[in-house]
């Protein structure tokens, strides 16, 4: 996906998948798999064999991509600010560093 012109796509991320990822992130139980293009995708540990949300920080650190394991051809793109806002609302989140 890296370096490819993105076209608008509809990506449906069920709330349960987002909640499961948020819970895993908040207790630091996120696993990582590296794709052949070199991008590291994080997902909730122990969920590889079931539909799950995968998240990747894009090179340069300005975007975070989210995709479902059931459709890896499409991704939701968040700004890094949107990601920090999401992560900052998780239980046990660290206070923002100024």
C-alpha atoms as a PDB file:
ATOM      1  CA  UNK A   1       0.000   0.000   0.000  1.00  0.00           C
ATOM      2  CA  UNK A   2       2.887   2.377   0.670  1.00  0.00           C
ATOM      3  CA  UNK A   3       3.629   4.815  -2.128  1.00  0.00           C
ATOM      4  CA  UNK A   4       0.368   4.060  -3.923  1.00  0.00           C
ATOM      5  CA  UNK A   5      -2.171   6.759  -4.758  1.00  0.00           C
ATOM      6  CA  UNK A   6      -5.148   6.152  -2.467  1.00  0.00           C
ATOM      7  CA  UNK A   7      -8.658   6.191  -3.837  1.00  0.00           C
ATOM      8  CA  UNK A   8     -11.638   6.839  -1.565  1.00  0.00           C
ATOM      9  CA  UNK A   9     -12.998   3.551  -0.277  1.00  0.00           C
ATOM     10  CA  UNK A  10     -15.606   2.529   2.227  1.00  0.00           C
ATOM     11  CA  UNK A  11     -14.152   0.591   5.113  1.00  0.00           C
ATOM     12  CA  UNK A  12     -16.466  -0.816   7.727  1.00  0.00           C
ATOM     13  CA  UNK A  13     -14.849  -1.354  11.105  1.00  0.00           C
ATOM     14  CA  UNK A  14     -17.283  -2.933  13.549  1.00  0.00           C
ATOM     15  CA  UNK A  15     -17.358  -1.269  16.957  1.00  0.00           C
ATOM     16  CA  UNK A  16     -16.493  -4.605  18.575  1.00  0.00           C
ATOM     17  CA  UNK A  17     -13.270  -4.784  16.527  1.00  0.00           C
ATOM     18  CA  UNK A  18     -12.309  -1.220  17.498  1.00  0.00           C
ATOM     19  CA  UNK A  19     -13.176  -1.919  21.140  1.00  0.00           C
ATOM     20  CA  UNK A  20     -11.079  -5.109  21.130  1.00  0.00           C
ATOM     21  CA  UNK A  21      -8.098  -3.243  19.697  1.00  0.00           C
ATOM     22  CA  UNK A  22      -8.516  -0.396  22.196  1.00  0.00           C
ATOM     23  CA  UNK A  23      -8.637  -2.879  25.087  1.00  0.00           C
ATOM     24  CA  UNK A  24      -5.514  -4.678  23.838  1.00  0.00           C
ATOM     25  CA  UNK A  25      -3.688  -1.377  23.371  1.00  0.00           C
ATOM     26  CA  UNK A  26      -4.637  -0.142  26.829  1.00  0.00           C
ATOM     27  CA  UNK A  27      -3.130  -3.208  28.510  1.00  0.00           C
ATOM     28  CA  UNK A  28      -0.227  -3.457  26.037  1.00  0.00           C
ATOM     29  CA  UNK A  29      -1.191  -6.842  24.569  1.00  0.00           C
ATOM     30  CA  UNK A  30      -0.786  -5.920  20.913  1.00  0.00           C
ATOM     31  CA  UNK A  31       1.101  -8.193  18.522  1.00  0.00           C
ATOM     32  CA  UNK A  32       2.827  -7.123  15.291  1.00  0.00           C
ATOM     33  CA  UNK A  33       3.186  -8.719  11.856  1.00  0.00           C
ATOM     34  CA  UNK A  34       5.370  -7.238   9.144  1.00  0.00           C
ATOM     35  CA  UNK A  35       3.933  -7.338   5.641  1.00  0.00           C
ATOM     36  CA  UNK A  36       6.129  -7.940   2.560  1.00  0.00           C
ATOM     37  CA  UNK A  37       6.041  -4.175   1.853  1.00  0.00           C
ATOM     38  CA  UNK A  38       7.807  -3.605   5.183  1.00  0.00           C
ATOM     39  CA  UNK A  39       4.835  -2.116   7.022  1.00  0.00           C
ATOM     40  CA  UNK A  40       4.342  -3.335  10.608  1.00  0.00           C
ATOM     41  CA  UNK A  41       0.675  -3.957  11.378  1.00  0.00           C
ATOM     42  CA  UNK A  42      -0.443  -4.210  15.015  1.00  0.00           C
ATOM     43  CA  UNK A  43      -3.429  -6.312  16.098  1.00  0.00           C
ATOM     44  CA  UNK A  44      -4.870  -7.604  19.403  1.00  0.00           C
ATOM     45  CA  UNK A  45      -2.777 -10.534  20.618  1.00  0.00           C
ATOM     46  CA  UNK A  46      -4.520 -13.877  20.189  1.00  0.00           C
ATOM     47  CA  UNK A  47      -7.003 -12.716  17.538  1.00  0.00           C
ATOM     48  CA  UNK A  48      -5.112 -13.649  14.351  1.00  0.00           C
ATOM     49  CA  UNK A  49      -7.513 -16.492  13.471  1.00  0.00           C
ATOM     50  CA  UNK A  50     -10.651 -14.347  13.821  1.00  0.00           C
ATOM     51  CA  UNK A  51     -11.703 -11.043  12.208  1.00  0.00           C
ATOM     52  CA  UNK A  52      -9.715  -8.250  13.842  1.00  0.00           C
ATOM     53  CA  UNK A  53      -8.627  -4.646  13.428  1.00  0.00           C
ATOM     54  CA  UNK A  54      -5.065  -3.989  12.262  1.00  0.00           C
ATOM     55  CA  UNK A  55      -3.306  -0.643  12.723  1.00  0.00           C
ATOM     56  CA  UNK A  56      -0.067   0.678  11.195  1.00  0.00           C
ATOM     57  CA  UNK A  57       1.931   3.870  11.686  1.00  0.00           C
ATOM     58  CA  UNK A  58       2.969   5.012   8.231  1.00  0.00           C
ATOM     59  CA  UNK A  59       6.575   5.993   7.498  1.00  0.00           C
ATOM     60  CA  UNK A  60       7.072   9.631   8.429  1.00  0.00           C
ATOM     61  CA  UNK A  61       4.677   9.344  11.364  1.00  0.00           C
ATOM     62  CA  UNK A  62       1.974  11.628   9.953  1.00  0.00           C
ATOM     63  CA  UNK A  63      -0.690   8.987   9.278  1.00  0.00           C
ATOM     64  CA  UNK A  64      -2.084   5.906  10.958  1.00  0.00           C
ATOM     65  CA  UNK A  65      -3.854   3.326   8.802  1.00  0.00           C
ATOM     66  CA  UNK A  66      -6.600   1.055  10.130  1.00  0.00           C
ATOM     67  CA  UNK A  67      -7.940  -1.987   8.280  1.00  0.00           C
ATOM     68  CA  UNK A  68      -9.955  -5.097   8.980  1.00  0.00           C
ATOM     69  CA  UNK A  69      -8.288  -8.477   8.557  1.00  0.00           C
ATOM     70  CA  UNK A  70     -11.264  -9.484   6.420  1.00  0.00           C
ATOM     71  CA  UNK A  71     -10.442  -6.808   3.780  1.00  0.00           C
ATOM     72  CA  UNK A  72      -6.798  -5.845   3.753  1.00  0.00           C
ATOM     73  CA  UNK A  73      -7.158  -4.067   0.404  1.00  0.00           C
ATOM     74  CA  UNK A  74      -8.813  -0.991   1.991  1.00  0.00           C
ATOM     75  CA  UNK A  75      -7.726   1.137   4.923  1.00  0.00           C
ATOM     76  CA  UNK A  76      -9.058   4.053   6.932  1.00  0.00           C
ATOM     77  CA  UNK A  77      -6.495   6.852   7.199  1.00  0.00           C
ATOM     78  CA  UNK A  78      -6.256   8.849  10.431  1.00  0.00           C
ATOM     79  CA  UNK A  79      -3.976  11.773  11.077  1.00  0.00           C
ATOM     80  CA  UNK A  80      -1.475  11.278  13.880  1.00  0.00           C
ATOM     81  CA  UNK A  81      -3.528  13.801  15.881  1.00  0.00           C
ATOM     82  CA  UNK A  82      -6.660  11.660  15.498  1.00  0.00           C
ATOM     83  CA  UNK A  83      -4.663   8.617  16.638  1.00  0.00           C
ATOM     84  CA  UNK A  84      -3.300  10.379  19.746  1.00  0.00           C
ATOM     85  CA  UNK A  85      -6.824  11.602  20.578  1.00  0.00           C
ATOM     86  CA  UNK A  86      -8.110   8.008  20.349  1.00  0.00           C
ATOM     87  CA  UNK A  87      -5.186   6.529  22.302  1.00  0.00           C
ATOM     88  CA  UNK A  88      -5.389   9.298  24.908  1.00  0.00           C
ATOM     89  CA  UNK A  89      -8.931   8.301  25.841  1.00  0.00           C
ATOM     90  CA  UNK A  90      -8.040   4.681  26.622  1.00  0.00           C
ATOM     91  CA  UNK A  91      -7.987   3.478  30.247  1.00  0.00           C
ATOM     92  CA  UNK A  92      -4.494   3.872  31.670  1.00  0.00           C
ATOM     93  CA  UNK A  93      -3.391   6.209  28.878  1.00  0.00           C
ATOM     94  CA  UNK A  94      -0.337   8.298  29.523  1.00  0.00           C
ATOM     95  CA  UNK A  95      -0.918  12.058  29.770  1.00  0.00           C
ATOM     96  CA  UNK A  96       0.046  14.002  26.631  1.00  0.00           C
ATOM     97  CA  UNK A  97       3.707  14.983  26.419  1.00  0.00           C
ATOM     98  CA  UNK A  98       4.171  18.687  25.641  1.00  0.00           C
END
